[in-house]
Protein backbone atom coordinates (compact mmCIF):
# COMPACT_ATOMS: atom_id res chain seq x y z
CA UNK A 1 -19.57 -7.00 -30.07
CA UNK A 2 -22.31 -9.58 -29.54
CA UNK A 3 -25.16 -8.50 -27.27
CA UNK A 4 -25.86 -11.20 -24.66
CA UNK A 5 -28.51 -9.37 -22.63
CA UNK A 6 -31.95 -10.97 -22.44
CA UNK A 7 -33.62 -8.27 -20.34
CA UNK A 8 -34.13 -4.53 -20.76
CA UNK A 9 -31.80 -2.38 -18.69
CA UNK A 10 -33.02 0.64 -16.72
CA UNK A 11 -30.70 3.51 -15.82
CA UNK A 12 -30.38 4.20 -12.08
CA UNK A 13 -27.91 5.54 -9.56
CA UNK A 14 -27.93 3.35 -6.44
CA UNK A 15 -25.03 2.96 -4.02
CA UNK A 16 -23.79 -0.54 -3.27
CA UNK A 17 -21.09 -2.58 -1.57
CA UNK A 18 -19.42 -5.49 -3.34
CA UNK A 19 -18.17 -8.23 -1.00
CA UNK A 20 -16.36 -11.55 -1.28
CA UNK A 21 -14.84 -13.52 1.62
CA UNK A 22 -11.23 -13.12 0.44
CA UNK A 23 -11.67 -9.64 -1.01
CA UNK A 24 -11.78 -6.18 0.56
CA UNK A 25 -15.19 -4.50 0.25
CA UNK A 26 -15.52 -2.32 -2.84
CA UNK A 27 -17.91 0.64 -2.87
CA UNK A 28 -19.58 1.76 -6.05
CA UNK A 29 -22.89 2.54 -7.64
CA UNK A 30 -25.21 0.76 -10.00
CA UNK A 31 -25.74 2.70 -13.22
CA UNK A 32 -28.20 0.31 -14.82
CA UNK A 33 -30.18 -2.70 -13.70
CA UNK A 34 -32.34 -5.39 -15.24
CA UNK A 35 -34.30 -8.34 -13.90
CA UNK A 36 -31.16 -10.51 -14.09
CA UNK A 37 -28.13 -8.24 -13.72
CA UNK A 38 -26.60 -4.81 -13.33
CA UNK A 39 -23.74 -2.59 -14.43
CA UNK A 40 -21.62 -1.03 -11.71
CA UNK A 41 -19.05 1.76 -11.57
CA UNK A 42 -16.40 1.60 -8.84
CA UNK A 43 -13.04 3.14 -8.07
CA UNK A 44 -11.41 -0.29 -7.67
CA UNK A 45 -11.19 -3.31 -9.93
CA UNK A 46 -13.51 -6.26 -9.33
CA UNK A 47 -12.24 -9.60 -10.63
CA UNK A 48 -14.40 -11.25 -13.29
CA UNK A 49 -15.59 -14.87 -13.00
CA UNK A 50 -16.08 -14.71 -9.24
CA UNK A 51 -19.27 -14.66 -7.19
CA UNK A 52 -19.86 -11.67 -4.93
CA UNK A 53 -22.45 -10.49 -2.45
CA UNK A 54 -23.99 -7.18 -3.54
CA UNK A 55 -25.54 -4.95 -0.88
CA UNK A 56 -27.68 -2.39 -2.70
CA UNK A 57 -29.07 0.75 -1.06
CA UNK A 58 -32.57 1.32 -2.47
CA UNK A 59 -34.02 4.81 -1.87
CA UNK A 60 -37.06 4.76 0.47
CA UNK A 61 -39.35 6.27 -2.20
CA UNK A 62 -39.41 2.88 -3.98
CA UNK A 63 -40.84 1.12 -0.90
CA UNK A 64 -38.46 -1.83 -1.29
CA UNK A 65 -36.67 -3.41 1.67
CA UNK A 66 -33.24 -1.83 1.84
CA UNK A 67 -30.51 -2.78 1.71
CA UNK A 68 -31.24 -5.45 -0.87
CA UNK A 69 -28.64 -8.23 -0.70
CA UNK A 70 -28.06 -10.43 -3.73
CA UNK A 71 -25.44 -12.86 -5.00
CA UNK A 72 -24.01 -12.12 -8.43
CA UNK A 73 -21.15 -13.21 -10.67
CA UNK A 74 -18.96 -10.53 -12.21
CA UNK A 75 -19.05 -11.46 -15.90
CA UNK A 76 -16.77 -8.66 -17.08
CA UNK A 77 -14.71 -5.81 -15.64
CA UNK A 78 -12.81 -3.08 -17.43
CA UNK A 79 -11.00 0.17 -16.77
CA UNK A 80 -12.60 3.32 -18.17
CA UNK A 81 -9.48 5.14 -19.24
CA UNK A 82 -11.10 8.58 -19.47
CA UNK A 83 -12.17 8.59 -15.80
CA UNK A 84 -9.95 5.97 -14.14
CA UNK A 85 -13.08 4.23 -12.80
CA UNK A 86 -13.93 0.58 -13.37
CA UNK A 87 -17.08 -0.62 -15.07
CA UNK A 88 -18.30 -4.12 -14.18
CA UNK A 89 -21.17 -6.29 -15.35
CA UNK A 90 -22.87 -8.61 -12.87
CA UNK A 91 -25.29 -11.46 -13.45
CA UNK A 92 -27.48 -12.28 -10.46
CA UNK A 93 -27.42 -15.91 -9.30
CA UNK A 94 -29.61 -18.00 -7.01
CA UNK A 95 -32.07 -15.16 -6.44
CA UNK A 96 -34.77 -16.20 -3.96
CA UNK A 97 -38.33 -15.69 -5.17
CA UNK A 98 -39.07 -12.92 -2.66
CA UNK A 99 -35.99 -10.95 -3.71
CA UNK A 100 -36.83 -11.42 -7.41
CA UNK A 101 -40.27 -9.99 -6.61
CA UNK A 102 -38.56 -6.95 -5.04
CA UNK A 103 -36.40 -6.47 -8.14
CA UNK A 104 -39.46 -6.75 -10.39
CA UNK A 105 -41.34 -4.23 -8.23
CA UNK A 106 -38.40 -1.83 -8.37
CA UNK A 107 -38.13 -2.13 -12.16
CA UNK A 108 -41.88 -1.52 -12.51
CA UNK A 109 -41.57 1.62 -10.37
CA UNK A 110 -38.56 2.84 -12.37
CA UNK A 111 -40.24 2.32 -15.74
CA UNK A 112 -43.75 3.38 -14.69
CA UNK A 113 -45.18 0.00 -15.69
């Protein structure tokens, strides 16, 4: 498998909602995040190649505005047969500068940098 990631991923466990206009809200949690994307586990399938609105609950200890709302494209989605959960990869799109600064601050806090 070819690795397409350009940024280091950091393991986390943040709750989120995945929304699209013609799609029922999916609840899940982020299990890793980078400056440009995240991996999510959910109990329902999310269709790849569509843009979604992600509403991420950031714990108060990180001093980041919460919830953090971002647009992201689901680049892959697959069933995890051992658990029945779905794993999905998202690439963030059209991230405003102030929200990118929040993501960078969060990553710095998570990595101690």
